[in-house]
């Protein structure tokens, strides 16, 4: 499984979105927002993993 993360710079910091290549979860989209880019990426991956586990 591959997780793809896209991060965008917004006035408030960084906004990230993530999806994965697993065919049963292709429609899930994780979201993360933080003033720190690395933290935004961590949050988005965590959000996606929680969605996949639900």
N, C-alpha and C. Protein backbone atom coordinates (compact mmCIF):
# COMPACT_ATOMS: atom_id res chain seq x y z
N UNK A 1 0.84 -1.17 0.00
CA UNK A 1 0.00 0.00 0.00
C UNK A 1 0.88 1.23 0.00
N UNK A 2 0.50 2.20 -0.79
CA UNK A 2 1.20 3.48 -0.87
C UNK A 2 0.28 4.59 -0.41
N UNK A 3 0.79 5.45 0.48
CA UNK A 3 0.03 6.62 0.91
C UNK A 3 0.61 7.83 0.19
N UNK A 4 -0.26 8.57 -0.50
CA UNK A 4 0.14 9.77 -1.22
C UNK A 4 -0.33 10.99 -0.44
N UNK A 5 0.61 11.90 -0.16
CA UNK A 5 0.30 13.11 0.61
C UNK A 5 0.55 14.33 -0.27
N UNK A 6 -0.42 15.23 -0.30
CA UNK A 6 -0.26 16.51 -0.97
C UNK A 6 -0.38 17.60 0.08
N UNK A 7 0.58 18.51 0.09
CA UNK A 7 0.61 19.58 1.08
C UNK A 7 0.57 20.92 0.37
N UNK A 8 -0.29 21.80 0.85
CA UNK A 8 -0.46 23.12 0.28
C UNK A 8 -0.17 24.19 1.33
N UNK A 9 0.47 25.26 0.91
CA UNK A 9 0.71 26.40 1.78
C UNK A 9 -0.53 27.29 1.74
N UNK A 10 -1.06 27.58 2.91
CA UNK A 10 -2.20 28.49 3.05
C UNK A 10 -1.78 29.60 4.02
N UNK A 11 -2.50 30.72 4.05
CA UNK A 11 -2.10 31.82 4.93
C UNK A 11 -1.93 31.41 6.40
N UNK A 12 -2.69 30.41 6.86
CA UNK A 12 -2.63 30.00 8.27
C UNK A 12 -1.55 28.95 8.54
N UNK A 13 -0.89 28.43 7.50
CA UNK A 13 0.12 27.40 7.70
C UNK A 13 0.14 26.43 6.54
N UNK A 14 -0.07 25.14 6.83
CA UNK A 14 -0.03 24.09 5.81
C UNK A 14 -1.27 23.21 5.91
N UNK A 15 -1.83 22.90 4.76
CA UNK A 15 -3.00 22.03 4.69
C UNK A 15 -2.58 20.81 3.87
N UNK A 16 -2.82 19.62 4.42
CA UNK A 16 -2.42 18.39 3.75
C UNK A 16 -3.60 17.46 3.53
N UNK A 17 -3.53 16.71 2.44
CA UNK A 17 -4.53 15.70 2.12
C UNK A 17 -3.79 14.41 1.78
N UNK A 18 -4.39 13.27 2.14
CA UNK A 18 -3.74 11.99 1.87
C UNK A 18 -4.77 10.97 1.41
N UNK A 19 -4.34 10.12 0.48
CA UNK A 19 -5.14 8.96 0.09
C UNK A 19 -4.17 7.80 -0.08
N UNK A 20 -4.72 6.62 -0.33
CA UNK A 20 -3.84 5.46 -0.46
C UNK A 20 -4.21 4.63 -1.66
N UNK A 21 -3.37 3.66 -1.98
CA UNK A 21 -3.54 2.84 -3.17
C UNK A 21 -4.33 1.57 -2.91
N UNK A 22 -4.71 1.32 -1.67
CA UNK A 22 -5.43 0.09 -1.34
C UNK A 22 -6.84 0.16 -1.92
N UNK A 23 -7.22 -0.80 -2.75
CA UNK A 23 -8.47 -0.69 -3.51
C UNK A 23 -9.73 -0.67 -2.64
N UNK A 24 -9.69 -1.17 -1.42
CA UNK A 24 -10.86 -1.12 -0.55
C UNK A 24 -11.02 0.24 0.14
N UNK A 25 -9.97 1.06 0.10
CA UNK A 25 -10.01 2.36 0.77
C UNK A 25 -9.71 3.50 -0.19
N UNK A 26 -9.89 3.30 -1.48
CA UNK A 26 -9.53 4.32 -2.46
C UNK A 26 -10.32 5.62 -2.31
N UNK A 27 -11.51 5.55 -1.71
CA UNK A 27 -12.36 6.73 -1.58
C UNK A 27 -12.13 7.51 -0.29
N UNK A 28 -11.24 7.04 0.58
CA UNK A 28 -10.96 7.73 1.84
C UNK A 28 -9.96 8.86 1.60
N UNK A 29 -10.18 9.98 2.26
CA UNK A 29 -9.28 11.12 2.13
C UNK A 29 -8.97 11.67 3.52
N UNK A 30 -7.72 11.55 3.93
CA UNK A 30 -7.30 12.11 5.20
C UNK A 30 -7.03 13.60 5.06
N UNK A 31 -7.20 14.32 6.16
CA UNK A 31 -6.99 15.76 6.15
C UNK A 31 -6.17 16.17 7.37
N UNK A 32 -5.26 17.12 7.17
CA UNK A 32 -4.46 17.64 8.28
C UNK A 32 -4.14 19.10 8.07
N UNK A 33 -4.12 19.85 9.15
CA UNK A 33 -3.80 21.27 9.09
C UNK A 33 -2.96 21.65 10.29
N UNK A 34 -1.87 22.37 10.04
CA UNK A 34 -1.02 22.83 11.13
C UNK A 34 -0.15 23.96 10.62
N UNK A 35 0.38 24.76 11.53
CA UNK A 35 1.31 25.83 11.14
C UNK A 35 2.67 25.26 10.76
N UNK A 36 2.96 24.04 11.19
CA UNK A 36 4.22 23.37 10.89
C UNK A 36 3.98 22.33 9.80
N UNK A 37 4.78 22.36 8.74
CA UNK A 37 4.58 21.45 7.60
C UNK A 37 4.71 19.98 8.01
N UNK A 38 5.75 19.64 8.78
CA UNK A 38 5.95 18.24 9.20
C UNK A 38 4.80 17.74 10.06
N UNK A 39 4.30 18.59 10.94
CA UNK A 39 3.17 18.21 11.79
C UNK A 39 1.91 18.03 10.97
N UNK A 40 1.73 18.85 9.95
CA UNK A 40 0.58 18.71 9.06
C UNK A 40 0.60 17.34 8.37
N UNK A 41 1.77 16.92 7.93
CA UNK A 41 1.90 15.61 7.28
C UNK A 41 1.63 14.49 8.28
N UNK A 42 2.15 14.59 9.48
CA UNK A 42 1.88 13.57 10.51
C UNK A 42 0.39 13.46 10.80
N UNK A 43 -0.28 14.61 10.91
CA UNK A 43 -1.71 14.61 11.21
C UNK A 43 -2.52 13.98 10.09
N UNK A 44 -2.17 14.27 8.85
CA UNK A 44 -2.94 13.74 7.74
C UNK A 44 -2.77 12.23 7.62
N UNK A 45 -1.58 11.72 7.85
CA UNK A 45 -1.37 10.27 7.80
C UNK A 45 -2.12 9.59 8.95
N UNK A 46 -2.07 10.19 10.12
CA UNK A 46 -2.81 9.66 11.27
C UNK A 46 -4.31 9.64 10.98
N UNK A 47 -4.83 10.71 10.40
CA UNK A 47 -6.25 10.78 10.08
C UNK A 47 -6.64 9.70 9.08
N UNK A 48 -5.83 9.50 8.05
CA UNK A 48 -6.12 8.47 7.05
C UNK A 48 -6.09 7.08 7.68
N UNK A 49 -5.12 6.81 8.53
CA UNK A 49 -5.06 5.49 9.19
C UNK A 49 -6.27 5.25 10.07
N UNK A 50 -6.74 6.28 10.76
CA UNK A 50 -7.95 6.13 11.58
C UNK A 50 -9.17 5.85 10.72
N UNK A 51 -9.27 6.51 9.58
CA UNK A 51 -10.38 6.25 8.67
C UNK A 51 -10.34 4.81 8.14
N UNK A 52 -9.15 4.34 7.85
CA UNK A 52 -9.00 2.98 7.33
C UNK A 52 -9.35 1.94 8.38
N UNK A 53 -9.09 2.24 9.64
CA UNK A 53 -9.35 1.30 10.73
C UNK A 53 -10.84 1.24 11.10
N UNK A 54 -11.57 2.28 10.75
CA UNK A 54 -13.01 2.36 11.13
C UNK A 54 -13.85 1.39 10.34
